[in-house]
């Protein structure tokens, strides 16, 4: 019986966990099926997800209306293989053996859906590249 590869885990971090990190987590969850464990969090989470972000994702068939911003914990970082900050200056505890990336992306806070769409599209491209690297589809 072949070994089953271990499911990689990714944590997306942004200060408020209401925009970029929510979009990235939603795309990774949607596109990777169950091949990746996905988390998102922020150091100062907002009360709700940015409505323009939710609208922009709904346009591509992803519903995040039930998502709630979460606080960043040391445990979430420890449990993740890849930790991705979104260019918002948030810092994470650093542990050996983890991969840290910073995706510098414009902040959708206070922006309308027209301004959020290009951010959404760039996040989707980056998430697709990440999936190809850490969790490519199984070959039949």
C-alpha atoms as a PDB file:
ATOM      1  CA  UNK A   1       0.000   0.000   0.000  1.00  0.00           C
ATOM      2  CA  UNK A   2       1.588   3.346  -0.997  1.00  0.00           C
ATOM      3  CA  UNK A   3       2.215   5.996   1.626  1.00  0.00           C
ATOM      4  CA  UNK A   4      -0.353   8.751   1.689  1.00  0.00           C
ATOM      5  CA  UNK A   5       1.389  12.118   1.506  1.00  0.00           C
ATOM      6  CA  UNK A   6       0.948  14.308   4.562  1.00  0.00           C
ATOM      7  CA  UNK A   7      -1.554  17.111   4.091  1.00  0.00           C
ATOM      8  CA  UNK A   8       0.332  20.442   4.068  1.00  0.00           C
ATOM      9  CA  UNK A   9      -1.099  23.309   6.092  1.00  0.00           C
ATOM     10  CA  UNK A  10      -1.107  27.008   5.242  1.00  0.00           C
ATOM     11  CA  UNK A  11      -1.842  30.015   7.453  1.00  0.00           C
ATOM     12  CA  UNK A  12      -2.702  33.373   5.856  1.00  0.00           C
ATOM     13  CA  UNK A  13      -2.100  36.374   8.118  1.00  0.00           C
ATOM     14  CA  UNK A  14      -3.291  39.964   7.800  1.00  0.00           C
ATOM     15  CA  UNK A  15      -3.831  42.479  10.589  1.00  0.00           C
ATOM     16  CA  UNK A  16      -7.647  42.510  10.491  1.00  0.00           C
ATOM     17  CA  UNK A  17      -8.224  39.082   8.858  1.00  0.00           C
ATOM     18  CA  UNK A  18     -11.094  40.704   6.981  1.00  0.00           C
ATOM     19  CA  UNK A  19      -9.806  41.055   3.415  1.00  0.00           C
ATOM     20  CA  UNK A  20      -6.671  39.672   1.781  1.00  0.00           C
ATOM     21  CA  UNK A  21      -6.127  36.765   4.171  1.00  0.00           C
ATOM     22  CA  UNK A  22      -9.808  35.796   3.936  1.00  0.00           C
ATOM     23  CA  UNK A  23      -9.657  35.864   0.120  1.00  0.00           C
ATOM     24  CA  UNK A  24      -6.497  33.766   0.046  1.00  0.00           C
ATOM     25  CA  UNK A  25      -7.899  31.210   2.496  1.00  0.00           C
ATOM     26  CA  UNK A  26     -11.162  31.004   0.538  1.00  0.00           C
ATOM     27  CA  UNK A  27      -9.361  30.440  -2.775  1.00  0.00           C
ATOM     28  CA  UNK A  28      -7.042  27.811  -1.278  1.00  0.00           C
ATOM     29  CA  UNK A  29      -9.965  25.976   0.312  1.00  0.00           C
ATOM     30  CA  UNK A  30     -11.962  26.164  -2.932  1.00  0.00           C
ATOM     31  CA  UNK A  31      -9.166  25.209  -5.339  1.00  0.00           C
ATOM     32  CA  UNK A  32      -7.190  22.621  -3.374  1.00  0.00           C
ATOM     33  CA  UNK A  33     -10.190  20.520  -2.326  1.00  0.00           C
ATOM     34  CA  UNK A  34      -9.034  18.603   0.737  1.00  0.00           C
ATOM     35  CA  UNK A  35      -5.351  18.497  -0.238  1.00  0.00           C
ATOM     36  CA  UNK A  36      -4.363  21.429   2.002  1.00  0.00           C
ATOM     37  CA  UNK A  37      -5.365  22.413   5.522  1.00  0.00           C
ATOM     38  CA  UNK A  38      -6.195  26.135   5.496  1.00  0.00           C
ATOM     39  CA  UNK A  39      -6.234  28.744   8.268  1.00  0.00           C
ATOM     40  CA  UNK A  40      -6.382  32.534   8.351  1.00  0.00           C
ATOM     41  CA  UNK A  41      -5.959  34.957  11.229  1.00  0.00           C
ATOM     42  CA  UNK A  42      -4.949  38.482  12.212  1.00  0.00           C
ATOM     43  CA  UNK A  43      -3.280  40.253  15.104  1.00  0.00           C
ATOM     44  CA  UNK A  44      -6.202  42.690  15.469  1.00  0.00           C
ATOM     45  CA  UNK A  45      -9.180  40.944  13.834  1.00  0.00           C
ATOM     46  CA  UNK A  46     -12.095  43.024  12.602  1.00  0.00           C
ATOM     47  CA  UNK A  47     -15.654  42.277  13.664  1.00  0.00           C
ATOM     48  CA  UNK A  48     -16.695  41.124  10.183  1.00  0.00           C
ATOM     49  CA  UNK A  49     -15.297  40.270   6.781  1.00  0.00           C
ATOM     50  CA  UNK A  50     -15.006  43.248   4.419  1.00  0.00           C
ATOM     51  CA  UNK A  51     -18.320  43.349   2.452  1.00  0.00           C
ATOM     52  CA  UNK A  52     -16.561  44.323  -0.815  1.00  0.00           C
ATOM     53  CA  UNK A  53     -14.273  41.288  -0.415  1.00  0.00           C
ATOM     54  CA  UNK A  54     -17.271  39.006   0.160  1.00  0.00           C
ATOM     55  CA  UNK A  55     -18.984  40.492  -2.919  1.00  0.00           C
ATOM     56  CA  UNK A  56     -15.878  40.085  -5.113  1.00  0.00           C
ATOM     57  CA  UNK A  57     -15.540  36.438  -4.090  1.00  0.00           C
ATOM     58  CA  UNK A  58     -19.265  35.787  -4.617  1.00  0.00           C
ATOM     59  CA  UNK A  59     -18.767  36.949  -8.221  1.00  0.00           C
ATOM     60  CA  UNK A  60     -16.451  33.949  -8.759  1.00  0.00           C
ATOM     61  CA  UNK A  61     -18.699  31.492  -6.929  1.00  0.00           C
ATOM     62  CA  UNK A  62     -17.058  31.521  -3.476  1.00  0.00           C
ATOM     63  CA  UNK A  63     -19.261  32.310  -0.470  1.00  0.00           C
ATOM     64  CA  UNK A  64     -17.464  33.642   2.608  1.00  0.00           C
ATOM     65  CA  UNK A  65     -20.537  35.219   4.199  1.00  0.00           C
ATOM     66  CA  UNK A  66     -20.292  32.880   7.199  1.00  0.00           C
ATOM     67  CA  UNK A  67     -16.582  33.553   7.823  1.00  0.00           C
ATOM     68  CA  UNK A  68     -15.541  35.441  10.953  1.00  0.00           C
ATOM     69  CA  UNK A  69     -12.135  37.115  11.402  1.00  0.00           C
ATOM     70  CA  UNK A  70      -9.966  35.166  13.866  1.00  0.00           C
ATOM     71  CA  UNK A  71      -7.154  36.176  16.193  1.00  0.00           C
ATOM     72  CA  UNK A  72      -3.628  35.041  15.347  1.00  0.00           C
ATOM     73  CA  UNK A  73      -2.298  32.521  17.866  1.00  0.00           C
ATOM     74  CA  UNK A  74       1.104  30.971  18.386  1.00  0.00           C
ATOM     75  CA  UNK A  75      -0.604  27.568  18.068  1.00  0.00           C
ATOM     76  CA  UNK A  76      -1.892  28.402  14.573  1.00  0.00           C
ATOM     77  CA  UNK A  77       1.626  29.309  13.448  1.00  0.00           C
ATOM     78  CA  UNK A  78       3.102  26.176  15.035  1.00  0.00           C
ATOM     79  CA  UNK A  79       0.488  23.987  13.316  1.00  0.00           C
ATOM     80  CA  UNK A  80       1.211  25.432   9.845  1.00  0.00           C
ATOM     81  CA  UNK A  81       3.853  24.425   7.309  1.00  0.00           C
ATOM     82  CA  UNK A  82       3.605  27.665   5.326  1.00  0.00           C
ATOM     83  CA  UNK A  83       2.814  31.059   6.876  1.00  0.00           C
ATOM     84  CA  UNK A  84       1.911  33.818   4.412  1.00  0.00           C
ATOM     85  CA  UNK A  85       1.564  37.452   5.417  1.00  0.00           C
ATOM     86  CA  UNK A  86      -0.234  39.760   3.015  1.00  0.00           C
ATOM     87  CA  UNK A  87       2.108  42.748   2.880  1.00  0.00           C
ATOM     88  CA  UNK A  88       0.350  44.434   5.769  1.00  0.00           C
ATOM     89  CA  UNK A  89       3.277  44.584   8.171  1.00  0.00           C
ATOM     90  CA  UNK A  90       1.836  41.959  10.501  1.00  0.00           C
ATOM     91  CA  UNK A  91       4.460  39.863  12.222  1.00  0.00           C
ATOM     92  CA  UNK A  92       4.250  36.250  13.258  1.00  0.00           C
ATOM     93  CA  UNK A  93       6.203  34.184  15.727  1.00  0.00           C
ATOM     94  CA  UNK A  94       9.033  32.458  13.878  1.00  0.00           C
ATOM     95  CA  UNK A  95       9.612  28.745  14.355  1.00  0.00           C
ATOM     96  CA  UNK A  96      12.242  26.558  12.713  1.00  0.00           C
ATOM     97  CA  UNK A  97      11.037  24.341   9.883  1.00  0.00           C
ATOM     98  CA  UNK A  98       8.271  26.703   8.790  1.00  0.00           C
ATOM     99  CA  UNK A  99       8.243  28.489   5.458  1.00  0.00           C
ATOM    100  CA  UNK A 100       7.431  32.198   5.648  1.00  0.00           C
ATOM    101  CA  UNK A 101       6.264  34.215   2.630  1.00  0.00           C
ATOM    102  CA  UNK A 102       5.087  37.808   2.306  1.00  0.00           C
ATOM    103  CA  UNK A 103       2.632  38.520  -0.495  1.00  0.00           C
ATOM    104  CA  UNK A 104       2.715  42.292  -0.922  1.00  0.00           C
ATOM    105  CA  UNK A 105      -0.818  43.151  -2.000  1.00  0.00           C
ATOM    106  CA  UNK A 106      -2.869  46.360  -1.920  1.00  0.00           C
ATOM    107  CA  UNK A 107      -5.202  46.699   1.058  1.00  0.00           C
ATOM    108  CA  UNK A 108      -8.891  46.348   0.134  1.00  0.00           C
ATOM    109  CA  UNK A 109     -10.013  48.136   3.331  1.00  0.00           C
ATOM    110  CA  UNK A 110     -12.328  51.021   2.517  1.00  0.00           C
ATOM    111  CA  UNK A 111     -12.326  50.118  -1.188  1.00  0.00           C
ATOM    112  CA  UNK A 112     -15.305  49.297  -3.358  1.00  0.00           C
ATOM    113  CA  UNK A 113     -15.701  46.019  -5.211  1.00  0.00           C
ATOM    114  CA  UNK A 114     -14.188  47.524  -8.399  1.00  0.00           C
ATOM    115  CA  UNK A 115     -10.901  48.089  -6.535  1.00  0.00           C
ATOM    116  CA  UNK A 116     -11.083  44.664  -4.858  1.00  0.00           C
ATOM    117  CA  UNK A 117     -11.416  42.638  -8.090  1.00  0.00           C
ATOM    118  CA  UNK A 118      -7.770  43.046  -9.232  1.00  0.00           C
ATOM    119  CA  UNK A 119      -6.569  42.147  -5.715  1.00  0.00           C
ATOM    120  CA  UNK A 120      -8.838  39.086  -5.784  1.00  0.00           C
ATOM    121  CA  UNK A 121      -7.488  38.035  -9.167  1.00  0.00           C
ATOM    122  CA  UNK A 122      -3.853  38.408  -8.085  1.00  0.00           C
ATOM    123  CA  UNK A 123      -4.533  36.372  -4.938  1.00  0.00           C
ATOM    124  CA  UNK A 124      -6.146  33.641  -7.041  1.00  0.00           C
ATOM    125  CA  UNK A 125      -3.040  33.479  -9.285  1.00  0.00           C
ATOM    126  CA  UNK A 126      -0.714  33.251  -6.278  1.00  0.00           C
ATOM    127  CA  UNK A 127      -2.867  30.578  -4.620  1.00  0.00           C
ATOM    128  CA  UNK A 128      -2.910  28.491  -7.820  1.00  0.00           C
ATOM    129  CA  UNK A 129       0.910  28.670  -7.965  1.00  0.00           C
ATOM    130  CA  UNK A 130       1.137  27.715  -4.283  1.00  0.00           C
ATOM    131  CA  UNK A 131      -1.118  24.683  -4.815  1.00  0.00           C
ATOM    132  CA  UNK A 132       0.975  23.538  -7.777  1.00  0.00           C
ATOM    133  CA  UNK A 133       4.029  23.699  -5.542  1.00  0.00           C
ATOM    134  CA  UNK A 134       2.821  22.198  -2.247  1.00  0.00           C
ATOM    135  CA  UNK A 135      -0.175  20.024  -3.201  1.00  0.00           C
ATOM    136  CA  UNK A 136      -0.336  19.158  -6.890  1.00  0.00           C
ATOM    137  CA  UNK A 137      -3.286  16.964  -7.892  1.00  0.00           C
ATOM    138  CA  UNK A 138      -2.696  13.240  -7.556  1.00  0.00           C
ATOM    139  CA  UNK A 139      -1.894  11.508 -10.794  1.00  0.00           C
ATOM    140  CA  UNK A 140      -4.296   8.822 -11.896  1.00  0.00           C
END
